[in-house]
Protein backbone atom coordinates (compact mmCIF):
# COMPACT_ATOMS: atom_id res chain seq x y z
CA UNK A 1 -41.03 40.09 -32.71
CA UNK A 2 -38.02 40.25 -35.04
CA UNK A 3 -35.85 41.60 -32.20
CA UNK A 4 -36.91 38.65 -30.02
CA UNK A 5 -36.07 36.14 -32.78
CA UNK A 6 -32.72 37.85 -33.37
CA UNK A 7 -31.91 37.77 -29.65
CA UNK A 8 -32.83 34.07 -29.38
CA UNK A 9 -30.68 33.33 -32.44
CA UNK A 10 -27.69 35.05 -30.86
CA UNK A 11 -28.22 33.10 -27.62
CA UNK A 12 -28.39 29.85 -29.58
CA UNK A 13 -25.24 30.72 -31.56
CA UNK A 14 -23.39 31.57 -28.32
CA UNK A 15 -24.42 28.24 -26.79
CA UNK A 16 -23.25 26.35 -29.88
CA UNK A 17 -19.90 28.12 -29.95
CA UNK A 18 -19.40 27.66 -26.19
CA UNK A 19 -20.26 23.97 -26.49
CA UNK A 20 -17.83 23.56 -29.37
CA UNK A 21 -15.01 25.29 -27.47
CA UNK A 22 -15.69 23.15 -24.39
CA UNK A 23 -15.75 19.95 -26.43
CA UNK A 24 -12.40 20.88 -27.98
CA UNK A 25 -10.75 21.54 -24.60
CA UNK A 26 -7.69 19.42 -23.99
CA UNK A 27 -8.31 16.63 -21.51
CA UNK A 28 -6.42 14.04 -19.51
CA UNK A 29 -7.67 11.37 -17.12
CA UNK A 30 -5.88 9.49 -14.36
CA UNK A 31 -7.00 6.52 -12.30
CA UNK A 32 -5.03 5.18 -9.36
CA UNK A 33 -4.42 4.94 -5.62
CA UNK A 34 -1.94 7.79 -5.03
CA UNK A 35 -2.50 10.17 -2.14
CA UNK A 36 -4.25 13.49 -2.65
CA UNK A 37 -1.09 15.47 -1.85
CA UNK A 38 0.63 13.89 -4.84
CA UNK A 39 -2.30 14.17 -7.26
CA UNK A 40 -2.76 17.85 -6.32
CA UNK A 41 0.94 18.54 -6.82
CA UNK A 42 1.13 16.77 -10.19
CA UNK A 43 -2.08 18.41 -11.39
CA UNK A 44 -0.77 21.87 -10.56
CA UNK A 45 2.64 21.22 -12.12
CA UNK A 46 1.40 19.61 -15.31
CA UNK A 47 -1.28 22.23 -15.96
CA UNK A 48 1.37 24.96 -15.67
CA UNK A 49 3.72 23.04 -17.97
CA UNK A 50 0.98 22.38 -20.55
CA UNK A 51 -0.09 26.03 -20.64
CA UNK A 52 3.53 27.20 -20.88
CA UNK A 53 4.43 24.71 -23.62
CA UNK A 54 1.27 24.56 -25.76
CA UNK A 55 -0.45 27.81 -24.78
CA UNK A 56 -3.57 25.80 -23.97
CA UNK A 57 -5.48 24.87 -20.85
CA UNK A 58 -5.92 21.20 -20.02
CA UNK A 59 -8.65 19.70 -17.85
CA UNK A 60 -7.49 16.81 -15.66
CA UNK A 61 -9.80 14.34 -13.99
CA UNK A 62 -8.62 11.87 -11.37
CA UNK A 63 -10.55 8.75 -10.39
CA UNK A 64 -9.45 7.39 -7.01
CA UNK A 65 -11.82 4.54 -6.01
CA UNK A 66 -9.52 3.05 -3.32
CA UNK A 67 -6.28 1.10 -2.90
CA UNK A 68 -4.38 -0.87 -5.54
CA UNK A 69 -6.78 -3.82 -5.83
CA UNK A 70 -9.85 -1.57 -5.98
CA UNK A 71 -8.29 0.54 -8.73
CA UNK A 72 -7.31 -2.56 -10.72
CA UNK A 73 -10.89 -3.81 -10.48
CA UNK A 74 -12.10 -0.41 -11.73
CA UNK A 75 -9.95 -0.75 -14.85
CA UNK A 76 -11.14 -4.34 -15.30
CA UNK A 77 -14.76 -3.12 -15.21
CA UNK A 78 -14.09 -0.72 -18.11
CA UNK A 79 -13.26 -3.74 -20.32
CA UNK A 80 -10.88 -1.92 -22.64
CA UNK A 81 -12.95 1.27 -22.89
CA UNK A 82 -11.51 3.27 -19.97
CA UNK A 83 -12.74 6.57 -18.60
CA UNK A 84 -9.11 7.47 -17.93
CA UNK A 85 -5.85 7.49 -19.88
CA UNK A 86 -3.16 6.74 -17.30
CA UNK A 87 -2.97 4.35 -14.37
CA UNK A 88 -1.11 6.43 -11.79
CA UNK A 89 0.36 4.69 -8.76
CA UNK A 90 0.56 1.14 -7.31
CA UNK A 91 3.42 -1.32 -7.34
CA UNK A 92 4.61 -3.87 -9.85
CA UNK A 93 2.11 -6.68 -9.10
CA UNK A 94 -0.87 -4.44 -9.96
CA UNK A 95 0.66 -3.56 -13.33
CA UNK A 96 1.63 -7.15 -14.04
CA UNK A 97 -1.98 -8.23 -13.42
CA UNK A 98 -3.32 -5.54 -15.78
CA UNK A 99 -0.66 -6.39 -18.37
CA UNK A 100 -1.60 -10.07 -18.36
CA UNK A 101 -5.24 -9.09 -18.88
CA UNK A 102 -4.38 -6.83 -21.84
CA UNK A 103 -5.37 -3.57 -20.14
CA UNK A 104 -2.13 -1.65 -20.77
CA UNK A 105 -0.10 -0.66 -23.83
CA UNK A 106 3.64 0.08 -23.98
CA UNK A 107 5.11 3.55 -24.00
CA UNK A 108 8.70 4.61 -23.35
CA UNK A 109 8.72 8.04 -21.68
CA UNK A 110 11.54 10.48 -22.30
CA UNK A 111 14.36 10.09 -19.74
CA UNK A 112 13.29 6.46 -19.20
CA UNK A 113 16.98 5.61 -18.95
CA UNK A 114 17.28 7.75 -15.79
CA UNK A 115 15.30 5.09 -13.90
CA UNK A 116 17.24 1.95 -12.81
CA UNK A 117 16.14 -1.39 -14.24
CA UNK A 118 16.44 -3.35 -10.98
CA UNK A 119 17.23 -2.58 -7.35
CA UNK A 120 17.21 -4.80 -4.30
CA UNK A 121 16.19 -7.78 -6.41
CA UNK A 122 13.03 -6.03 -7.63
CA UNK A 123 12.16 -4.81 -11.12
CA UNK A 124 11.95 -1.03 -11.15
CA UNK A 125 10.61 -0.76 -14.71
CA UNK A 126 9.29 -3.12 -17.35
CA UNK A 127 11.69 -3.87 -20.16
CA UNK A 128 8.78 -3.78 -22.66
CA UNK A 129 7.80 -0.25 -21.46
CA UNK A 130 4.45 -1.40 -20.01
CA UNK A 131 5.11 0.34 -16.69
CA UNK A 132 7.83 2.49 -15.14
CA UNK A 133 8.54 3.48 -11.55
CA UNK A 134 8.16 7.21 -10.94
CA UNK A 135 8.55 6.99 -7.14
CA UNK A 136 10.29 4.18 -5.19
CA UNK A 137 9.62 3.33 -1.56
CA UNK A 138 10.07 0.50 0.92
CA UNK A 139 7.35 -1.35 2.86
CA UNK A 140 7.61 -0.29 6.50
CA UNK A 141 5.61 -0.14 9.72
CA UNK A 142 4.89 3.06 11.67
CA UNK A 143 4.85 3.86 15.35
CA UNK A 144 3.98 6.89 17.45
CA UNK A 145 7.08 7.41 19.58
CA UNK A 146 5.27 9.55 22.16
CA UNK A 147 2.55 6.98 22.81
CA UNK A 148 4.95 4.01 22.97
CA UNK A 149 7.09 5.95 25.43
CA UNK A 150 4.05 6.65 27.60
CA UNK A 151 3.20 2.93 27.52
CA UNK A 152 6.84 2.10 28.33
CA UNK A 153 7.05 -0.14 25.29
CA UNK A 154 10.06 -0.47 22.96
CA UNK A 155 9.45 -0.06 19.21
CA UNK A 156 8.99 -3.51 17.58
CA UNK A 157 11.91 -4.01 15.19
CA UNK A 158 11.03 -7.33 13.52
CA UNK A 159 7.94 -9.09 12.26
CA UNK A 160 8.20 -11.59 15.14
CA UNK A 161 8.43 -8.74 17.66
CA UNK A 162 4.89 -7.77 16.68
CA UNK A 163 3.61 -11.10 18.05
CA UNK A 164 4.87 -10.29 21.55
CA UNK A 165 1.84 -10.15 23.92
CA UNK A 166 2.97 -6.72 25.15
CA UNK A 167 1.73 -5.25 21.85
CA UNK A 168 -1.69 -6.91 21.87
CA UNK A 169 -4.37 -4.29 21.31
CA UNK A 170 -1.83 -1.68 20.22
CA UNK A 171 -1.67 -2.50 16.50
CA UNK A 172 -3.81 -1.48 13.53
CA UNK A 173 -3.75 -2.54 9.88
CA UNK A 174 -6.04 -2.58 6.87
CA UNK A 175 -7.09 -5.36 4.49
CA UNK A 176 -5.16 -6.59 1.44
CA UNK A 177 -8.06 -5.95 -0.94
CA UNK A 178 -8.23 -2.33 0.31
CA UNK A 179 -4.48 -1.64 0.23
CA UNK A 180 -1.76 -2.85 -2.07
CA UNK A 181 0.81 -2.21 0.66
CA UNK A 182 -1.03 -4.58 2.98
CA UNK A 183 -1.19 -7.10 0.16
CA UNK A 184 2.59 -6.81 -0.22
CA UNK A 185 3.08 -7.36 3.52
CA UNK A 186 1.23 -10.66 3.24
CA UNK A 187 3.39 -11.61 0.26
CA UNK A 188 6.48 -10.72 2.31
CA UNK A 189 5.47 -13.16 5.05
CA UNK A 190 4.36 -15.88 2.60
CA UNK A 191 7.54 -15.66 0.52
CA UNK A 192 10.02 -15.23 3.38
CA UNK A 193 8.50 -17.74 5.80
CA UNK A 194 6.88 -20.19 3.41
CA UNK A 195 3.18 -20.39 2.68
CA UNK A 196 2.25 -22.56 5.68
CA UNK A 197 4.20 -20.53 8.22
CA UNK A 198 3.26 -17.27 6.51
CA UNK A 199 -0.48 -17.80 6.92
CA UNK A 200 0.08 -18.99 10.51
CA UNK A 201 1.91 -15.72 11.15
CA UNK A 202 -0.97 -13.71 9.69
CA UNK A 203 -3.42 -15.44 12.04
CA UNK A 204 -1.27 -14.67 15.07
CA UNK A 205 -0.81 -11.07 13.94
CA UNK A 206 -4.58 -10.65 13.45
CA UNK A 207 -5.07 -11.70 17.08
CA UNK A 208 -2.78 -8.82 18.11
CA UNK A 209 -4.83 -6.14 16.33
CA UNK A 210 -6.87 -3.51 18.10
CA UNK A 211 -8.90 -2.99 14.93
CA UNK A 212 -8.84 -2.98 11.13
CA UNK A 213 -8.58 0.39 9.39
CA UNK A 214 -10.29 1.42 6.17
CA UNK A 215 -7.00 1.88 4.29
CA UNK A 216 -3.33 2.82 4.50
CA UNK A 217 -4.13 6.52 4.88
CA UNK A 218 -6.53 5.74 7.73
CA UNK A 219 -3.81 3.67 9.43
CA UNK A 220 -1.36 6.58 9.17
CA UNK A 221 -3.89 9.01 10.63
CA UNK A 222 -4.67 6.71 13.57
CA UNK A 223 -0.99 6.35 14.42
CA UNK A 224 -0.34 10.07 13.94
CA UNK A 225 -3.18 11.00 16.30
CA UNK A 226 -2.06 8.38 18.82
CA UNK A 227 -5.32 6.40 18.69
CA UNK A 228 -3.31 3.21 18.08
CA UNK A 229 0.49 3.42 18.48
CA UNK A 230 1.60 0.91 15.82
CA UNK A 231 0.52 0.74 12.17
CA UNK A 232 1.28 -2.19 9.86
CA UNK A 233 1.98 -2.03 6.12
CA UNK A 234 2.88 1.57 5.42
CA UNK A 235 4.53 3.22 2.44
CA UNK A 236 7.85 4.60 3.61
CA UNK A 237 6.96 8.20 2.75
CA UNK A 238 3.99 8.20 5.17
CA UNK A 239 6.30 8.74 8.14
CA UNK A 240 8.04 11.58 6.30
CA UNK A 241 4.70 13.20 5.56
CA UNK A 242 3.40 12.79 9.14
CA UNK A 243 6.56 14.29 10.62
CA UNK A 244 6.35 17.20 8.18
CA UNK A 245 2.90 17.86 9.67
CA UNK A 246 4.35 17.85 13.19
CA UNK A 247 3.37 14.36 14.38
CA UNK A 248 5.83 12.22 16.45
CA UNK A 249 5.73 9.36 13.95
CA UNK A 250 8.65 7.21 12.87
CA UNK A 251 8.94 4.34 10.44
CA UNK A 252 10.64 1.02 11.09
CA UNK A 253 12.23 -1.02 8.33
CA UNK A 254 11.39 -4.55 9.46
CA UNK A 255 13.87 -7.39 9.13
CA UNK A 256 12.10 -8.66 6.00
CA UNK A 257 10.87 -6.14 3.45
CA UNK A 258 10.75 -5.23 -0.26
CA UNK A 259 11.06 -2.29 -2.58
CA UNK A 260 7.79 -1.01 -4.05
CA UNK A 261 8.26 0.70 -7.43
CA UNK A 262 5.29 3.11 -7.43
CA UNK A 263 4.63 3.10 -11.16
CA UNK A 264 2.63 4.52 -14.02
CA UNK A 265 1.32 3.07 -17.27
CA UNK A 266 -0.74 3.91 -20.35
CA UNK A 267 -4.21 2.34 -20.48
CA UNK A 268 -5.30 0.48 -23.59
CA UNK A 269 -8.06 2.44 -25.33
CA UNK A 270 -7.06 5.71 -23.65
CA UNK A 271 -9.41 8.42 -25.03
CA UNK A 272 -6.68 11.09 -24.76
CA UNK A 273 -3.61 9.03 -25.63
CA UNK A 274 -1.65 11.96 -27.03
CA UNK A 275 -1.95 14.02 -23.86
CA UNK A 276 -1.26 10.93 -21.77
CA UNK A 277 2.11 10.51 -23.51
CA UNK A 278 2.91 14.19 -22.98
CA UNK A 279 2.15 13.73 -19.27
CA UNK A 280 4.34 10.63 -19.02
CA UNK A 281 7.24 12.46 -20.67
CA UNK A 282 6.83 15.36 -18.23
CA UNK A 283 6.48 13.10 -15.18
CA UNK A 284 9.97 11.68 -15.70
CA UNK A 285 11.57 15.05 -16.42
CA UNK A 286 13.47 16.79 -13.61
CA UNK A 287 10.57 19.25 -13.35
CA UNK A 288 7.99 16.47 -13.08
CA UNK A 289 10.06 14.65 -10.47
CA UNK A 290 10.27 17.86 -8.45
CA UNK A 291 6.48 17.89 -8.27
CA UNK A 292 6.59 14.23 -7.20
CA UNK A 293 8.76 15.29 -4.24
CA UNK A 294 6.55 18.28 -3.48
CA UNK A 295 3.65 15.81 -3.42
CA UNK A 296 5.41 13.95 -0.58
CA UNK A 297 6.70 11.01 -2.63
CA UNK A 298 10.35 10.14 -3.34
CA UNK A 299 11.58 10.90 -6.89
CA UNK A 300 12.80 7.95 -8.97
CA UNK A 301 15.48 9.55 -11.15
CA UNK A 302 18.98 8.50 -10.16
CA UNK A 303 20.42 11.97 -10.86
CA UNK A 304 18.21 13.83 -8.34
CA UNK A 305 19.71 14.83 -4.98
CA UNK A 306 17.58 16.06 -2.07
CA UNK A 307 20.20 18.67 -1.15
CA UNK A 308 19.98 20.22 -4.62
CA UNK A 309 16.18 20.22 -4.51
CA UNK A 310 16.34 21.89 -1.10
CA UNK A 311 18.49 24.68 -2.57
CA UNK A 312 15.84 25.12 -5.26
CA UNK A 313 13.19 25.74 -2.60
CA UNK A 314 11.45 22.35 -2.53
CA UNK A 315 10.26 22.21 1.08
CA UNK A 316 9.84 18.42 1.21
CA UNK A 317 13.45 17.83 0.16
CA UNK A 318 14.67 18.52 3.71
CA UNK A 319 12.12 16.11 5.21
CA UNK A 320 13.01 13.43 2.66
CA UNK A 321 16.73 13.73 3.39
CA UNK A 322 16.16 13.60 7.16
CA UNK A 323 13.70 10.71 6.92
CA UNK A 324 15.99 8.52 4.79
CA UNK A 325 19.35 9.71 6.10
CA UNK A 326 20.77 9.84 2.57
CA UNK A 327 20.82 12.37 -0.29
CA UNK A 328 19.00 10.12 -2.78
CA UNK A 329 16.61 7.24 -2.31
CA UNK A 330 18.94 4.99 -4.29
CA UNK A 331 21.74 5.57 -1.74
CA UNK A 332 19.86 3.52 0.87
CA UNK A 333 21.39 0.26 2.11
CA UNK A 334 18.63 -2.27 2.82
CA UNK A 335 18.51 -6.06 2.95
CA UNK A 336 15.54 -7.33 0.96
CA UNK A 337 13.91 -10.74 0.69
CA UNK A 338 14.05 -12.72 -2.54
CA UNK A 339 10.76 -11.56 -4.03
CA UNK A 340 9.04 -13.61 -6.74
CA UNK A 341 7.02 -11.07 -8.74
CA UNK A 342 5.54 -13.73 -11.04
CA UNK A 343 4.24 -15.73 -8.08
CA UNK A 344 2.79 -12.59 -6.45
CA UNK A 345 1.06 -11.69 -9.72
CA UNK A 346 -0.33 -15.18 -10.24
CA UNK A 347 -2.01 -15.36 -6.83
CA UNK A 348 -3.01 -11.69 -6.51
CA UNK A 349 -6.77 -12.32 -6.24
CA UNK A 350 -6.36 -15.61 -4.37
CA UNK A 351 -4.36 -14.04 -1.52
CA UNK A 352 -6.86 -11.20 -1.11
CA UNK A 353 -9.85 -13.56 -1.01
CA UNK A 354 -8.20 -15.98 1.41
CA UNK A 355 -7.36 -13.25 3.89
CA UNK A 356 -10.85 -11.79 3.70
CA UNK A 357 -12.72 -15.07 4.18
CA UNK A 358 -10.36 -17.00 6.46
CA UNK A 359 -9.02 -14.23 8.71
CA UNK A 360 -10.98 -10.97 8.50
CA UNK A 361 -14.50 -12.43 8.42
CA UNK A 362 -13.58 -14.86 11.21
CA UNK A 363 -11.60 -12.32 13.23
CA UNK A 364 -13.66 -12.48 16.44
CA UNK A 365 -13.73 -16.28 16.34
CA UNK A 366 -10.00 -16.31 15.65
CA UNK A 367 -9.26 -14.13 18.69
CA UNK A 368 -11.53 -16.09 21.05
CA UNK A 369 -9.99 -19.39 19.93
CA UNK A 370 -6.44 -18.21 20.62
CA UNK A 371 -7.52 -16.71 23.96
CA UNK A 372 -8.92 -20.09 25.05
CA UNK A 373 -5.77 -21.92 23.93
CA UNK A 374 -3.61 -19.51 25.91
CA UNK A 375 -5.81 -19.90 29.01
CA UNK A 376 -5.53 -23.66 28.93
CA UNK A 377 -1.78 -23.48 28.31
CA UNK A 378 -1.49 -21.41 31.47
CA UNK A 379 -3.50 -23.95 33.44
CA UNK A 380 -1.32 -26.79 32.14
CA UNK A 381 1.83 -24.90 33.15
CA UNK A 382 0.44 -24.38 36.66
CA UNK A 383 -0.55 -28.05 37.01
CA UNK A 384 2.89 -29.13 35.82
CA UNK A 385 4.57 -27.00 38.49
CA UNK A 386 2.43 -28.78 41.08
CA UNK A 387 3.70 -32.15 39.93
CA UNK A 388 0.62 -33.23 37.97
CA UNK A 389 1.12 -35.54 35.01
CA UNK A 390 0.10 -33.28 32.11
CA UNK A 391 1.54 -35.27 29.17
CA UNK A 392 -1.83 -35.98 27.53
CA UNK A 393 -3.11 -32.47 28.12
CA UNK A 394 0.08 -31.03 26.61
CA UNK A 395 -0.31 -33.21 23.53
CA UNK A 396 -3.93 -32.09 23.07
CA UNK A 397 -3.21 -28.39 23.52
CA UNK A 398 -0.36 -28.63 21.02
CA UNK A 399 -2.86 -30.09 18.56
CA UNK A 400 -5.16 -27.15 19.32
CA UNK A 401 -2.33 -24.75 18.40
CA UNK A 402 -1.74 -26.52 15.10
CA UNK A 403 -5.44 -26.52 14.24
CA UNK A 404 -5.54 -22.78 14.92
CA UNK A 405 -2.32 -21.73 13.18
CA UNK A 406 -1.94 -24.10 10.24
CA UNK A 407 -5.48 -25.28 9.47
CA UNK A 408 -7.39 -22.16 10.41
CA UNK A 409 -10.01 -24.47 11.93
CA UNK A 410 -10.94 -22.32 14.90
CA UNK A 411 -13.88 -24.44 16.05
CA UNK A 412 -11.76 -27.61 16.11
CA UNK A 413 -9.01 -25.69 17.91
CA UNK A 414 -11.45 -24.62 20.65
CA UNK A 415 -12.73 -28.17 21.01
CA UNK A 416 -9.18 -29.53 21.34
CA UNK A 417 -8.36 -26.87 23.95
CA UNK A 418 -11.52 -27.74 25.90
CA UNK A 419 -10.58 -31.44 25.82
CA UNK A 420 -7.08 -30.59 27.07
CA UNK A 421 -8.66 -28.76 30.01
CA UNK A 422 -10.86 -31.77 30.77
CA UNK A 423 -7.82 -34.05 30.78
CA UNK A 424 -6.35 -31.85 33.52
CA UNK A 425 -9.54 -32.02 35.57
CA UNK A 426 -10.04 -35.78 35.25
CA UNK A 427 -6.33 -36.55 35.55
CA UNK A 428 -6.58 -38.99 32.68
């Protein structure tokens, strides 16, 4: 009996000691929308660095609920008591939203001065140290060169090119509340064209789509596999990554675009704040930036050259240099729009809701309305060639176009198109 009690006591003591050791294990938590290739690379690199520097293991958890907006909503739901320490990934508007809501605290990582303050009219880091870009990229579109060649279609080079009827049914994109890149594309059109014309453009572009994808990664995969040849709203490094995997994918810098400073920030109430700061310092070191490149993202330090990284054995350095055509991201020459970050931050939720309710949820109605308008326009053109007086019908169909594009009133647009057709039939 005594032996049994002694054995049970030893088991209990072992469990207590094991539990204590586990509870004392160093921890770090990330939340954000970065791709798995990057999170895997950073996790591997930082664990090795932490062990080498502190002679301790560190457990890293990564919460990836979706794109930028979904991740921001996750942090909002924690209400200042986060289950993570660092927000990893997303562009400036996401961080500005969280900053305004008091969800971030400032921290200046080591080598912060190696990141430029501004580039292409866009902030690259926050002067109050709320967020800092660790990987810059430009909003692009993708196309599968093999499929477009088979279809005998030229790559669309501008936003207006995408509205050409030859591309109808050959385009895919996701939703702005599922992807921050898609959100930025809508901001690009709203800010470069004006709000009225920008939303009209988005309606016309929606009519061109073959389908909506579940996210930016899904869009890339569809284009890579050739399911749909053109993908809208893609981070610039997606083409580099797809080509590294052997797919005939290329990116197109459209005529109007912006820089996206993929950034990182320290969450208010971080349970492992000390380790979070160690990670941020490492992330902006040359070693940390090497793991950013190995994770298929572009490094943000101005003193990093792809050719040097290639000599050091970083496989992705060659693909990055070939994809960009320069030896450092910051050597690129691109014309950007004048981007109002404060405006984009202010209407972050509003833009996402409007697109969802006025375009996505009415997508089938939107497409059928435009199809009817186009049919009637064709009939009017035919009647005009035959010498018929079509002045009243032309006036009515023009009104139908305006109702569709500028008001988003698809039912009224269909009614106006139907009335224009009747005016042709009655000759009135």
